[in-house]
PDB file of N, CA and C in Angstrom:
ATOM      1  N   MET A   1      69.303 -34.072 -28.189  1.00  0.00           N
ATOM      2  CA  MET A   1      69.654 -33.020 -28.671  1.00  0.00           C
ATOM      3  C   MET A   1      69.733 -31.752 -28.215  1.00  0.00           C
ATOM      4  N   GLY A   2      70.142 -31.012 -28.785  1.00  0.00           N
ATOM      5  CA  GLY A   2      70.091 -29.375 -27.705  1.00  0.00           C
ATOM      6  C   GLY A   2      69.090 -28.514 -28.506  1.00  0.00           C
ATOM      7  N   THR A   3      68.945 -27.502 -27.399  1.00  0.00           N
ATOM      8  CA  THR A   3      67.946 -27.034 -27.342  1.00  0.00           C
ATOM      9  C   THR A   3      68.410 -25.892 -28.192  1.00  0.00           C
ATOM     10  N   ASN A   4      67.843 -24.907 -28.913  1.00  0.00           N
ATOM     11  CA  ASN A   4      68.191 -23.583 -28.860  1.00  0.00           C
ATOM     12  C   ASN A   4      67.210 -22.208 -28.566  1.00  0.00           C
ATOM     13  N   ASN A   5      66.544 -22.780 -27.326  1.00  0.00           N
ATOM     14  CA  ASN A   5      65.633 -21.689 -26.912  1.00  0.00           C
ATOM     15  C   ASN A   5      65.809 -21.302 -25.329  1.00  0.00           C
ATOM     16  N   PRO A   6      66.388 -20.552 -25.135  1.00  0.00           N
ATOM     17  CA  PRO A   6      67.094 -20.317 -23.686  1.00  0.00           C
ATOM     18  C   PRO A   6      65.521 -20.092 -23.310  1.00  0.00           C
ATOM     19  N   GLY A   7      65.799 -20.288 -21.472  1.00  0.00           N
ATOM     20  CA  GLY A   7      64.956 -19.509 -20.752  1.00  0.00           C
ATOM     21  C   GLY A   7      63.113 -20.535 -21.010  1.00  0.00           C
ATOM     22  N   GLY A   8      63.186 -21.383 -21.722  1.00  0.00           N
ATOM     23  CA  GLY A   8      62.156 -21.843 -21.948  1.00  0.00           C
ATOM     24  C   GLY A   8      60.745 -21.428 -22.807  1.00  0.00           C
ATOM     25  N   VAL A   9      61.760 -20.438 -23.579  1.00  0.00           N
ATOM     26  CA  VAL A   9      60.274 -20.045 -24.674  1.00  0.00           C
ATOM     27  C   VAL A   9      60.548 -20.785 -26.021  1.00  0.00           C
ATOM     28  N   ASN A  10      59.093 -20.640 -26.189  1.00  0.00           N
ATOM     29  CA  ASN A  10      58.968 -21.213 -27.800  1.00  0.00           C
ATOM     30  C   ASN A  10      58.932 -19.842 -28.712  1.00  0.00           C
ATOM     31  N   ARG A  11      58.686 -20.886 -29.685  1.00  0.00           N
ATOM     32  CA  ARG A  11      57.980 -19.793 -30.722  1.00  0.00           C
ATOM     33  C   ARG A  11      56.737 -19.062 -30.494  1.00  0.00           C
ATOM     34  N   GLY A  12      56.852 -17.874 -30.872  1.00  0.00           N
ATOM     35  CA  GLY A  12      55.438 -17.709 -30.692  1.00  0.00           C
ATOM     36  C   GLY A  12      55.325 -17.202 -29.539  1.00  0.00           C
ATOM     37  N   GLY A  13      56.008 -16.891 -28.420  1.00  0.00           N
ATOM     38  CA  GLY A  13      56.280 -16.291 -27.537  1.00  0.00           C
ATOM     39  C   GLY A  13      55.415 -16.841 -26.172  1.00  0.00           C
ATOM     40  N   ALA A  14      55.245 -18.290 -26.743  1.00  0.00           N
ATOM     41  CA  ALA A  14      54.611 -18.913 -25.523  1.00  0.00           C
ATOM     42  C   ALA A  14      55.599 -19.774 -24.695  1.00  0.00           C
ATOM     43  N   THR A  15      55.228 -19.613 -23.633  1.00  0.00           N
ATOM     44  CA  THR A  15      56.018 -20.818 -22.537  1.00  0.00           C
ATOM     45  C   THR A  15      55.144 -22.170 -22.619  1.00  0.00           C
ATOM     46  N   PRO A  16      55.931 -22.617 -21.987  1.00  0.00           N
ATOM     47  CA  PRO A  16      55.377 -23.657 -21.935  1.00  0.00           C
ATOM     48  C   PRO A  16      53.712 -24.276 -21.024  1.00  0.00           C
ATOM     49  N   SER A  17      53.775 -23.117 -20.161  1.00  0.00           N
ATOM     50  CA  SER A  17      52.888 -23.154 -20.215  1.00  0.00           C
ATOM     51  C   SER A  17      51.334 -22.844 -20.681  1.00  0.00           C
ATOM     52  N   GLY A  18      51.304 -22.421 -21.627  1.00  0.00           N
ATOM     53  CA  GLY A  18      50.741 -21.153 -22.277  1.00  0.00           C
ATOM     54  C   GLY A  18      51.369 -19.958 -22.999  1.00  0.00           C
ATOM     55  N   PRO A  19      50.553 -19.123 -23.540  1.00  0.00           N
ATOM     56  CA  PRO A  19      50.924 -17.435 -24.060  1.00  0.00           C
ATOM     57  C   PRO A  19      51.128 -16.918 -23.162  1.00  0.00           C
ATOM     58  N   VAL A  20      52.269 -15.950 -23.159  1.00  0.00           N
ATOM     59  CA  VAL A  20      52.478 -14.753 -22.493  1.00  0.00           C
ATOM     60  C   VAL A  20      51.423 -13.765 -22.283  1.00  0.00           C
ATOM     61  N   PRO A  21      51.255 -13.190 -20.991  1.00  0.00           N
ATOM     62  CA  PRO A  21      50.118 -12.395 -20.993  1.00  0.00           C
ATOM     63  C   PRO A  21      49.679 -10.926 -21.696  1.00  0.00           C
ATOM     64  N   SER A  22      50.677 -11.149 -22.799  1.00  0.00           N
ATOM     65  CA  SER A  22      50.386  -9.956 -23.082  1.00  0.00           C
ATOM     66  C   SER A  22      50.429 -10.730 -25.035  1.00  0.00           C
ATOM     67  N   GLN A  23      50.360 -11.579 -25.247  1.00  0.00           N
ATOM     68  CA  GLN A  23      50.191 -12.310 -26.523  1.00  0.00           C
ATOM     69  C   GLN A  23      48.637 -12.784 -25.929  1.00  0.00           C
ATOM     70  N   ARG A  24      48.109 -13.111 -24.685  1.00  0.00           N
ATOM     71  CA  ARG A  24      46.818 -13.672 -24.763  1.00  0.00           C
ATOM     72  C   ARG A  24      45.551 -12.295 -24.704  1.00  0.00           C
ATOM     73  N   ARG A  25      46.530 -10.937 -24.103  1.00  0.00           N
ATOM     74  CA  ARG A  25      45.790 -10.026 -24.459  1.00  0.00           C
ATOM     75  C   ARG A  25      45.531  -9.482 -26.022  1.00  0.00           C
ATOM     76  N   ARG A  26      46.379  -9.477 -26.771  1.00  0.00           N
ATOM     77  CA  ARG A  26      46.179  -8.867 -28.029  1.00  0.00           C
ATOM     78  C   ARG A  26      45.568  -9.773 -28.813  1.00  0.00           C
ATOM     79  N   ARG A  27      45.443 -11.612 -28.074  1.00  0.00           N
ATOM     80  CA  ARG A  27      44.573 -12.280 -28.951  1.00  0.00           C
ATOM     81  C   ARG A  27      43.345 -12.296 -28.980  1.00  0.00           C
ATOM     82  N   LYS A  28      42.490 -11.705 -28.151  1.00  0.00           N
ATOM     83  CA  LYS A  28      41.071 -11.323 -27.216  1.00  0.00           C
ATOM     84  C   LYS A  28      40.769  -9.912 -28.614  1.00  0.00           C
ATOM     85  N   ARG A  29      41.765  -8.725 -28.492  1.00  0.00           N
ATOM     86  CA  ARG A  29      41.401  -8.107 -29.198  1.00  0.00           C
ATOM     87  C   ARG A  29      41.242  -8.624 -30.479  1.00  0.00           C
ATOM     88  N   TYR A  30      42.153  -9.215 -30.976  1.00  0.00           N
ATOM     89  CA  TYR A  30      41.684  -9.212 -32.390  1.00  0.00           C
ATOM     90  C   TYR A  30      41.048 -10.518 -32.854  1.00  0.00           C
ATOM     91  N   PHE A  31      40.311 -11.129 -31.893  1.00  0.00           N
ATOM     92  CA  PHE A  31      38.913 -11.873 -31.652  1.00  0.00           C
ATOM     93  C   PHE A  31      37.463 -10.884 -31.690  1.00  0.00           C
ATOM     94  N   ALA A  32      38.024 -10.027 -30.783  1.00  0.00           N
ATOM     95  CA  ALA A  32      36.882  -8.948 -30.580  1.00  0.00           C
ATOM     96  C   ALA A  32      36.585  -8.392 -31.889  1.00  0.00           C
ATOM     97  N   MET A  33      37.917  -7.815 -32.472  1.00  0.00           N
ATOM     98  CA  MET A  33      37.223  -7.065 -33.183  1.00  0.00           C
ATOM     99  C   MET A  33      37.085  -7.736 -34.737  1.00  0.00           C
ATOM    100  N   MET A  34      37.197  -8.983 -35.005  1.00  0.00           N
ATOM    101  CA  MET A  34      36.975  -9.918 -35.969  1.00  0.00           C
ATOM    102  C   MET A  34      35.253 -10.568 -35.467  1.00  0.00           C
ATOM    103  N   ALA A  35      35.563 -10.114 -34.596  1.00  0.00           N
ATOM    104  CA  ALA A  35      33.569 -11.073 -34.468  1.00  0.00           C
ATOM    105  C   ALA A  35      33.038  -9.879 -34.557  1.00  0.00           C
ATOM    106  N   ALA A  36      33.739  -8.720 -34.027  1.00  0.00           N
ATOM    107  CA  ALA A  36      32.288  -7.510 -34.681  1.00  0.00           C
ATOM    108  C   ALA A  36      32.547  -7.334 -35.551  1.00  0.00           C
ATOM    109  N   CYS A  37      33.528  -7.735 -36.724  1.00  0.00           N
ATOM    110  CA  CYS A  37      33.135  -7.213 -38.346  1.00  0.00           C
ATOM    111  C   CYS A  37      32.541  -8.432 -38.864  1.00  0.00           C
ATOM    112  N   LEU A  38      32.383  -9.505 -38.470  1.00  0.00           N
ATOM    113  CA  LEU A  38      31.342 -10.845 -38.526  1.00  0.00           C
ATOM    114  C   LEU A  38      29.840 -10.166 -38.436  1.00  0.00           C
ATOM    115  N   VAL A  39      29.927  -9.215 -37.099  1.00  0.00           N
ATOM    116  CA  VAL A  39      28.394  -8.930 -37.338  1.00  0.00           C
ATOM    117  C   VAL A  39      27.806  -7.976 -37.696  1.00  0.00           C
ATOM    118  N   LEU A  40      29.073  -7.140 -37.848  1.00  0.00           N
ATOM    119  CA  LEU A  40      28.283  -5.545 -38.657  1.00  0.00           C
ATOM    120  C   LEU A  40      28.555  -6.183 -39.869  1.00  0.00           C
ATOM    121  N   PHE A  41      28.497  -7.422 -40.416  1.00  0.00           N
ATOM    122  CA  PHE A  41      28.626  -8.060 -42.035  1.00  0.00           C
ATOM    123  C   PHE A  41      26.926  -9.045 -42.007  1.00  0.00           C
ATOM    124  N   LEU A  42      26.997  -9.682 -40.899  1.00  0.00           N
ATOM    125  CA  LEU A  42      25.601 -10.439 -40.803  1.00  0.00           C
ATOM    126  C   LEU A  42      24.475  -9.501 -40.644  1.00  0.00           C
ATOM    127  N   LEU A  43      24.409  -8.160 -39.585  1.00  0.00           N
ATOM    128  CA  LEU A  43      23.515  -7.573 -39.456  1.00  0.00           C
ATOM    129  C   LEU A  43      23.204  -6.590 -41.069  1.00  0.00           C
ATOM    130  N   ALA A  44      24.214  -6.537 -42.009  1.00  0.00           N
ATOM    131  CA  ALA A  44      23.987  -5.306 -42.839  1.00  0.00           C
ATOM    132  C   ALA A  44      23.171  -6.101 -43.464  1.00  0.00           C
ATOM    133  N   GLY A  45      23.473  -7.372 -44.043  1.00  0.00           N
ATOM    134  CA  GLY A  45      22.682  -8.363 -45.376  1.00  0.00           C
ATOM    135  C   GLY A  45      21.856  -8.902 -44.733  1.00  0.00           C
ATOM    136  N   THR A  46      21.518  -8.968 -43.480  1.00  0.00           N
ATOM    137  CA  THR A  46      20.066  -9.858 -43.223  1.00  0.00           C
ATOM    138  C   THR A  46      18.970  -9.184 -42.971  1.00  0.00           C
ATOM    139  N   VAL A  47      19.475  -8.062 -41.880  1.00  0.00           N
ATOM    140  CA  VAL A  47      18.436  -7.040 -41.374  1.00  0.00           C
ATOM    141  C   VAL A  47      18.459  -5.881 -41.828  1.00  0.00           C
ATOM    142  N   VAL A  48      19.898  -5.090 -41.556  1.00  0.00           N
ATOM    143  CA  VAL A  48      19.625  -3.264 -41.638  1.00  0.00           C
ATOM    144  C   VAL A  48      18.892  -3.164 -43.623  1.00  0.00           C
ATOM    145  N   TYR A  49      19.419  -4.173 -44.249  1.00  0.00           N
ATOM    146  CA  TYR A  49      18.880  -3.643 -45.526  1.00  0.00           C
ATOM    147  C   TYR A  49      17.831  -3.532 -45.852  1.00  0.00           C
ATOM    148  N   ARG A  50      16.598  -3.843 -45.412  1.00  0.00           N
ATOM    149  CA  ARG A  50      15.398  -3.953 -45.566  1.00  0.00           C
ATOM    150  C   ARG A  50      14.481  -2.497 -45.091  1.00  0.00           C
ATOM    151  N   TRP A  51      15.632  -1.547 -43.970  1.00  0.00           N
ATOM    152  CA  TRP A  51      15.665  -0.967 -43.508  1.00  0.00           C
ATOM    153  C   TRP A  51      16.195   0.471 -44.493  1.00  0.00           C
ATOM    154  N   SER A  52      17.238   0.569 -44.783  1.00  0.00           N
ATOM    155  CA  SER A  52      17.863   1.004 -45.326  1.00  0.00           C
ATOM    156  C   SER A  52      19.600   0.668 -45.904  1.00  0.00           C
ATOM    157  N   ILE A  53      18.971   1.099 -47.503  1.00  0.00           N
ATOM    158  CA  ILE A  53      20.243   0.830 -47.929  1.00  0.00           C
ATOM    159  C   ILE A  53      21.517   1.175 -47.676  1.00  0.00           C
ATOM    160  N   ALA A  54      21.418   2.452 -47.518  1.00  0.00           N
ATOM    161  CA  ALA A  54      22.826   3.373 -47.505  1.00  0.00           C
ATOM    162  C   ALA A  54      23.626   2.992 -45.744  1.00  0.00           C
ATOM    163  N   ALA A  55      22.169   2.419 -45.053  1.00  0.00           N
ATOM    164  CA  ALA A  55      22.654   2.022 -43.684  1.00  0.00           C
ATOM    165  C   ALA A  55      23.988   0.571 -43.483  1.00  0.00           C
ATOM    166  N   ALA A  56      23.069   0.290 -44.641  1.00  0.00           N
ATOM    167  CA  ALA A  56      23.418  -1.330 -44.727  1.00  0.00           C
ATOM    168  C   ALA A  56      24.714  -1.016 -45.834  1.00  0.00           C
ATOM    169  N   ALA A  57      24.922  -0.150 -46.257  1.00  0.00           N
ATOM    170  CA  ALA A  57      26.492   0.025 -47.258  1.00  0.00           C
ATOM    171  C   ALA A  57      27.774   0.383 -46.562  1.00  0.00           C
ATOM    172  N   VAL A  58      26.930   1.842 -45.679  1.00  0.00           N
ATOM    173  CA  VAL A  58      27.566   2.082 -44.477  1.00  0.00           C
ATOM    174  C   VAL A  58      28.599   1.603 -43.553  1.00  0.00           C
ATOM    175  N   MET A  59      27.608  -0.185 -43.293  1.00  0.00           N
ATOM    176  CA  MET A  59      27.878  -0.974 -42.434  1.00  0.00           C
ATOM    177  C   MET A  59      28.958  -1.665 -42.637  1.00  0.00           C
ATOM    178  N   THR A  60      28.889  -2.308 -44.010  1.00  0.00           N
ATOM    179  CA  THR A  60      29.444  -2.992 -44.557  1.00  0.00           C
ATOM    180  C   THR A  60      30.779  -2.690 -45.154  1.00  0.00           C
ATOM    181  N   ILE A  61      31.255  -1.185 -45.068  1.00  0.00           N
ATOM    182  CA  ILE A  61      32.472  -0.580 -45.280  1.00  0.00           C
ATOM    183  C   ILE A  61      33.012  -0.463 -44.020  1.00  0.00           C
ATOM    184  N   VAL A  62      32.375  -0.035 -43.334  1.00  0.00           N
ATOM    185  CA  VAL A  62      33.171  -0.156 -41.411  1.00  0.00           C
ATOM    186  C   VAL A  62      33.386  -2.058 -41.680  1.00  0.00           C
ATOM    187  N   ALA A  63      32.578  -2.640 -41.853  1.00  0.00           N
ATOM    188  CA  ALA A  63      33.222  -4.167 -41.783  1.00  0.00           C
ATOM    189  C   ALA A  63      34.501  -4.387 -42.472  1.00  0.00           C
ATOM    190  N   MET A  64      34.469  -3.822 -43.363  1.00  0.00           N
ATOM    191  CA  MET A  64      35.870  -4.156 -44.457  1.00  0.00           C
ATOM    192  C   MET A  64      37.116  -2.982 -43.740  1.00  0.00           C
ATOM    193  N   ALA A  65      36.661  -1.967 -43.423  1.00  0.00           N
ATOM    194  CA  ALA A  65      37.879  -1.842 -42.604  1.00  0.00           C
ATOM    195  C   ALA A  65      38.667  -2.188 -41.452  1.00  0.00           C
ATOM    196  N   ILE A  66      37.584  -2.878 -40.814  1.00  0.00           N
ATOM    197  CA  ILE A  66      38.116  -3.445 -39.563  1.00  0.00           C
ATOM    198  C   ILE A  66      39.330  -4.356 -39.511  1.00  0.00           C
ATOM    199  N   PRO A  67      39.329  -5.407 -40.820  1.00  0.00           N
ATOM    200  CA  PRO A  67      40.524  -6.745 -40.444  1.00  0.00           C
ATOM    201  C   PRO A  67      41.852  -6.006 -40.713  1.00  0.00           C
ATOM    202  N   PRO A  68      42.071  -5.154 -41.427  1.00  0.00           N
ATOM    203  CA  PRO A  68      43.714  -4.690 -41.412  1.00  0.00           C
ATOM    204  C   PRO A  68      44.043  -4.020 -40.068  1.00  0.00           C
ATOM    205  N   PHE A  69      42.913  -3.364 -39.335  1.00  0.00           N
ATOM    206  CA  PHE A  69      43.251  -2.653 -37.830  1.00  0.00           C
ATOM    207  C   PHE A  69      43.363  -4.068 -36.986  1.00  0.00           C
ATOM    208  N   ALA A  70      42.489  -4.836 -36.831  1.00  0.00           N
ATOM    209  CA  ALA A  70      43.051  -5.917 -36.499  1.00  0.00           C
ATOM    210  C   ALA A  70      44.053  -6.543 -36.324  1.00  0.00           C
ATOM    211  N   ALA A  71      44.289  -7.199 -37.386  1.00  0.00           N
ATOM    212  CA  ALA A  71      46.036  -7.209 -38.080  1.00  0.00           C
ATOM    213  C   ALA A  71      47.139  -6.231 -37.012  1.00  0.00           C
ATOM    214  N   ILE A  72      47.048  -4.902 -37.483  1.00  0.00           N
ATOM    215  CA  ILE A  72      47.986  -4.350 -36.832  1.00  0.00           C
ATOM    216  C   ILE A  72      48.097  -4.660 -35.217  1.00  0.00           C
ATOM    217  N   VAL A  73      46.301  -4.916 -34.741  1.00  0.00           N
ATOM    218  CA  VAL A  73      46.389  -5.123 -32.839  1.00  0.00           C
ATOM    219  C   VAL A  73      47.477  -6.172 -32.873  1.00  0.00           C
ATOM    220  N   ALA A  74      46.996  -6.803 -33.558  1.00  0.00           N
ATOM    221  CA  ALA A  74      47.577  -8.568 -33.072  1.00  0.00           C
ATOM    222  C   ALA A  74      48.749  -8.800 -33.307  1.00  0.00           C
ATOM    223  N   ASN A  75      49.444  -7.495 -34.345  1.00  0.00           N
ATOM    224  CA  ASN A  75      51.246  -7.574 -34.004  1.00  0.00           C
ATOM    225  C   ASN A  75      51.459  -6.773 -33.403  1.00  0.00           C
ATOM    226  N   ARG A  76      51.178  -5.843 -33.190  1.00  0.00           N
ATOM    227  CA  ARG A  76      51.844  -4.586 -32.517  1.00  0.00           C
ATOM    228  C   ARG A  76      52.613  -5.217 -31.177  1.00  0.00           C
ATOM    229  N   ARG A  77      53.328  -4.476 -31.076  1.00  0.00           N
ATOM    230  CA  ARG A  77      54.298  -5.379 -29.856  1.00  0.00           C
ATOM    231  C   ARG A  77      54.617  -4.324 -28.117  1.00  0.00           C
ATOM    232  N   GLU A  78      54.356  -5.119 -27.348  1.00  0.00           N
ATOM    233  CA  GLU A  78      54.036  -4.105 -26.070  1.00  0.00           C
ATOM    234  C   GLU A  78      54.964  -3.914 -25.410  1.00  0.00           C
ATOM    235  N   GLN A  79      55.409  -3.180 -24.196  1.00  0.00           N
ATOM    236  CA  GLN A  79      56.230  -2.641 -23.524  1.00  0.00           C
ATOM    237  C   GLN A  79      56.191  -4.952 -22.797  1.00  0.00           C
ATOM    238  N   GLY A  80      57.492  -4.955 -22.665  1.00  0.00           N
ATOM    239  CA  GLY A  80      57.919  -6.611 -22.124  1.00  0.00           C
ATOM    240  C   GLY A  80      58.053  -7.575 -23.421  1.00  0.00           C
ATOM    241  N   ASP A  81      57.595  -7.587 -24.036  1.00  0.00           N
ATOM    242  CA  ASP A  81      58.068  -8.013 -25.637  1.00  0.00           C
ATOM    243  C   ASP A  81      58.930  -8.430 -26.276  1.00  0.00           C
ATOM    244  N   ARG A  82      59.401  -9.835 -26.084  1.00  0.00           N
ATOM    245  CA  ARG A  82      60.940 -10.346 -26.670  1.00  0.00           C
ATOM    246  C   ARG A  82      60.496 -10.873 -27.984  1.00  0.00           C
ATOM    247  N   TRP A  83      60.107 -10.136 -28.538  1.00  0.00           N
ATOM    248  CA  TRP A  83      59.849 -10.974 -30.515  1.00  0.00           C
ATOM    249  C   TRP A  83      61.426 -11.391 -30.713  1.00  0.00           C
ATOM    250  N   TRP A  84      62.257  -9.967 -30.624  1.00  0.00           N
ATOM    251  CA  TRP A  84      63.619 -10.254 -31.436  1.00  0.00           C
ATOM    252  C   TRP A  84      64.347 -11.765 -31.208  1.00  0.00           C
ATOM    253  N   ASP A  85      64.505 -12.507 -29.828  1.00  0.00           N
ATOM    254  CA  ASP A  85      64.985 -12.746 -29.604  1.00  0.00           C
ATOM    255  C   ASP A  85      64.570 -14.765 -30.145  1.00  0.00           C
ATOM    256  N   GLU A  86      64.030 -14.322 -30.857  1.00  0.00           N
ATOM    257  CA  GLU A  86      63.218 -15.939 -31.315  1.00  0.00           C
ATOM    258  C   GLU A  86      63.546 -16.280 -32.319  1.00  0.00           C
TER     259      GLU A  86
END
């Protein structure tokens, strides 16, 4: 059967040997931002609220704002990415 992906590039910008470097970099940034989000939620809900409800509320609000920015970072096209060829 014929294949319709010239150059050996699979869906998602990955090559047979793994994701391209820019995709790997975006994925690391995304997971770092989401880990920070989880840490903020956990600390606000388990530790910080005992000393300051206001600080815990601010931490929770900041944690709620992180996922949209993480999605933007994860989907941002970098120089040299060829997403439109898929």
